[in-house]
Amino acid sequence: MKKIFLITLTAALGFSSCRTPYSLSSIAVDYSKYSEKGFFITEANSVSFEYKPVASISSTFITGYDYLKVDGKVVMRKDTEGNPVIPRTTNKLILATKEGAMEELYKKATELGANGIINFKVVKITSTKNNSSSGYEVSGMAIKR
C-alpha cells in the first residue's frame, strides 16, 4: 500500500510542476529620429564607406526606482561610519524602454565626436521571474564618417 501511495504522490508532483507561461514578444527600434539628425546606424558590422572607429559603446537601462534628490543632488544612505554608500530611492518606478537606452547611447556617441554606430545590437534583459522585461542593453561601435 505504501508503494502505491508513493508512486501516486510522485506522479502527481511530477505533473504539477511549475511551468513557464507562454510568452511572445518582438523588438523594433526606430532609427528615423537619428537619421534625420545625420546620425548613421546599422546592424551590419561593415559598411561601404570609409570611417574612423571612435569607441565601442553600450547603454543599459534597467527598470527601477528614481533617486531621491535634494537641490539636484542624489541623497545617499550612510554606513555605520558615516560614509555615503547607496543612493536613496523614491517610490517613483521608472520603466526601462529601448528608446531610453538608445537615446543614452546616441548622447554618449555624439559626446565622443561620433556621427554613426555600426554593429548595432539591442538585447532585451528579462527577469527570471515570469519573463517580465527588466530592461534593455544597446551597443555597437561608434564611428566618425
Protein backbone atom coordinates (compact mmCIF):
# COMPACT_ATOMS: atom_id res chain seq x y z
CA MET A 1 0.00 0.00 0.00
CA LYS A 2 2.88 2.36 0.83
CA LYS A 3 4.44 1.72 -2.60
CA ILE A 4 1.20 2.59 -4.41
CA PHE A 5 0.82 5.77 -2.35
CA LEU A 6 4.44 6.85 -3.06
CA ILE A 7 4.09 6.13 -6.79
CA THR A 8 0.82 8.11 -6.94
CA LEU A 9 2.32 11.00 -4.95
CA THR A 10 5.45 11.08 -7.14
CA ALA A 11 3.37 11.09 -10.33
CA ALA A 12 1.08 13.85 -9.01
CA LEU A 13 4.03 16.03 -8.07
CA GLY A 14 5.67 15.41 -11.44
CA PHE A 15 2.59 16.50 -13.38
CA SER A 16 2.02 19.58 -11.21
CA SER A 17 5.49 21.08 -11.60
CA CYS A 18 5.96 24.78 -12.24
CA ARG A 19 5.99 25.70 -15.90
CA THR A 20 6.96 28.89 -17.63
CA PRO A 21 3.91 30.56 -19.15
CA TYR A 22 3.80 31.08 -22.90
CA SER A 23 5.39 34.35 -23.95
CA LEU A 24 5.71 36.11 -27.29
CA SER A 25 7.41 39.43 -27.87
CA SER A 26 9.13 41.44 -30.56
CA ILE A 27 11.53 44.36 -30.56
CA ALA A 28 11.58 47.17 -33.11
CA VAL A 29 13.85 50.21 -32.93
CA ASP A 30 13.01 53.28 -34.99
CA TYR A 31 16.22 54.79 -36.43
CA SER A 32 14.48 57.65 -38.28
CA LYS A 33 14.83 60.11 -35.37
CA TYR A 34 18.61 59.73 -35.56
CA SER A 35 18.96 59.55 -39.35
CA GLU A 36 17.08 62.88 -39.61
CA LYS A 37 19.89 64.35 -37.46
CA GLY A 38 22.52 62.96 -39.85
CA PHE A 39 23.46 60.12 -37.48
CA PHE A 40 24.08 56.77 -39.21
CA ILE A 41 23.04 53.46 -37.58
CA THR A 42 23.35 49.94 -38.96
CA GLU A 43 23.30 46.43 -37.58
CA ALA A 44 25.91 45.45 -40.17
CA ASN A 45 29.47 45.05 -38.95
CA SER A 46 30.90 46.55 -42.14
CA VAL A 47 29.89 49.44 -44.37
CA SER A 48 30.72 50.57 -47.91
CA PHE A 49 32.29 53.89 -46.92
CA GLU A 50 35.43 54.92 -45.06
CA TYR A 51 35.11 55.67 -41.37
CA LYS A 52 37.22 56.21 -38.28
CA PRO A 53 36.41 53.97 -35.30
CA VAL A 54 35.77 56.09 -32.20
CA ALA A 55 34.81 53.64 -29.43
CA SER A 56 32.87 50.53 -28.55
CA ILE A 57 29.91 51.77 -26.56
CA SER A 58 26.90 50.33 -24.79
CA SER A 59 23.98 51.61 -22.78
CA THR A 60 21.93 49.60 -20.30
CA PHE A 61 18.57 50.78 -19.00
CA ILE A 62 17.12 48.73 -16.13
CA THR A 63 13.66 49.24 -14.61
CA GLY A 64 13.92 50.63 -11.07
CA TYR A 65 13.06 53.41 -8.69
CA ASP A 66 14.12 57.01 -9.20
CA TYR A 67 16.80 58.50 -6.96
CA LEU A 68 15.81 60.83 -4.13
CA LYS A 69 17.32 64.25 -4.86
CA VAL A 70 17.65 67.41 -2.78
CA ASP A 71 18.74 70.58 -4.61
CA GLY A 72 19.55 68.45 -7.66
CA LYS A 73 21.92 66.14 -5.74
CA VAL A 74 21.29 62.46 -5.07
CA VAL A 75 20.76 61.72 -1.36
CA MET A 76 22.96 58.85 -0.19
CA ARG A 77 22.45 56.36 2.63
CA LYS A 78 25.36 56.26 5.03
CA ASP A 79 27.15 53.30 6.58
CA THR A 80 27.90 52.98 10.29
CA GLU A 81 30.96 55.22 9.90
CA GLY A 82 29.00 57.95 8.12
CA ASN A 83 30.36 57.25 4.61
CA PRO A 84 27.88 57.56 1.71
CA VAL A 85 27.32 54.10 0.20
CA ILE A 86 23.94 53.60 -1.52
CA PRO A 87 21.69 56.20 -3.16
CA ARG A 88 18.25 56.59 -1.58
CA THR A 89 15.32 55.96 -3.89
CA THR A 90 11.79 57.30 -4.18
CA ASN A 91 8.58 55.37 -4.75
CA LYS A 92 8.53 56.51 -8.40
CA LEU A 93 9.09 53.48 -10.63
CA ILE A 94 10.96 54.20 -13.88
CA LEU A 95 10.16 51.62 -16.57
CA ALA A 96 13.06 50.80 -18.87
CA THR A 97 12.49 51.31 -22.59
CA LYS A 98 14.61 50.51 -25.62
CA GLU A 99 14.15 54.14 -26.70
CA GLY A 100 15.64 55.35 -23.41
CA ALA A 101 18.65 53.06 -23.80
CA MET A 102 19.05 54.14 -27.43
CA GLU A 103 18.88 57.84 -26.54
CA GLU A 104 21.62 57.39 -23.93
CA LEU A 105 23.79 55.53 -26.48
CA TYR A 106 23.26 58.33 -29.03
CA LYS A 107 24.19 61.03 -26.47
CA LYS A 108 27.37 59.19 -25.49
CA ALA A 109 28.37 58.61 -29.12
CA THR A 110 27.91 62.27 -30.04
CA GLU A 111 29.83 63.37 -26.90
CA LEU A 112 32.73 61.28 -28.23
CA GLY A 113 32.51 63.01 -31.62
CA ALA A 114 30.89 60.10 -33.46
CA ASN A 115 28.19 60.50 -36.07
CA GLY A 116 27.31 56.85 -36.53
CA ILE A 117 27.13 53.39 -34.99
CA ILE A 118 27.87 50.12 -36.77
CA ASN A 119 27.28 46.58 -35.49
CA PHE A 120 24.31 47.96 -33.54
CA LYS A 121 22.59 45.43 -31.25
CA VAL A 122 19.55 45.52 -28.95
CA VAL A 123 19.24 42.95 -26.17
CA LYS A 124 16.13 42.66 -24.03
CA ILE A 125 17.07 41.91 -20.43
CA THR A 126 14.42 39.76 -18.79
CA SER A 127 13.82 38.89 -15.20
CA THR A 128 13.95 35.22 -14.26
CA LYS A 129 10.59 35.79 -12.62
CA ASN A 130 7.70 35.29 -15.12
CA ASN A 131 9.80 36.55 -18.10
CA SER A 132 8.84 40.16 -17.46
CA SER A 133 11.02 42.76 -19.11
CA SER A 134 13.55 44.30 -16.75
CA GLY A 135 15.46 46.41 -19.22
CA TYR A 136 17.38 46.82 -22.45
CA GLU A 137 21.02 46.93 -23.48
CA VAL A 138 22.04 48.57 -26.74
CA SER A 139 25.59 48.51 -28.08
CA GLY A 140 27.78 48.99 -31.12
CA MET A 141 30.88 50.70 -32.44
CA ALA A 142 30.74 54.48 -32.55
CA ILE A 143 32.27 55.80 -35.77
CA LYS A 144 33.12 59.08 -37.45
CA ARG A 145 32.20 59.19 -41.17
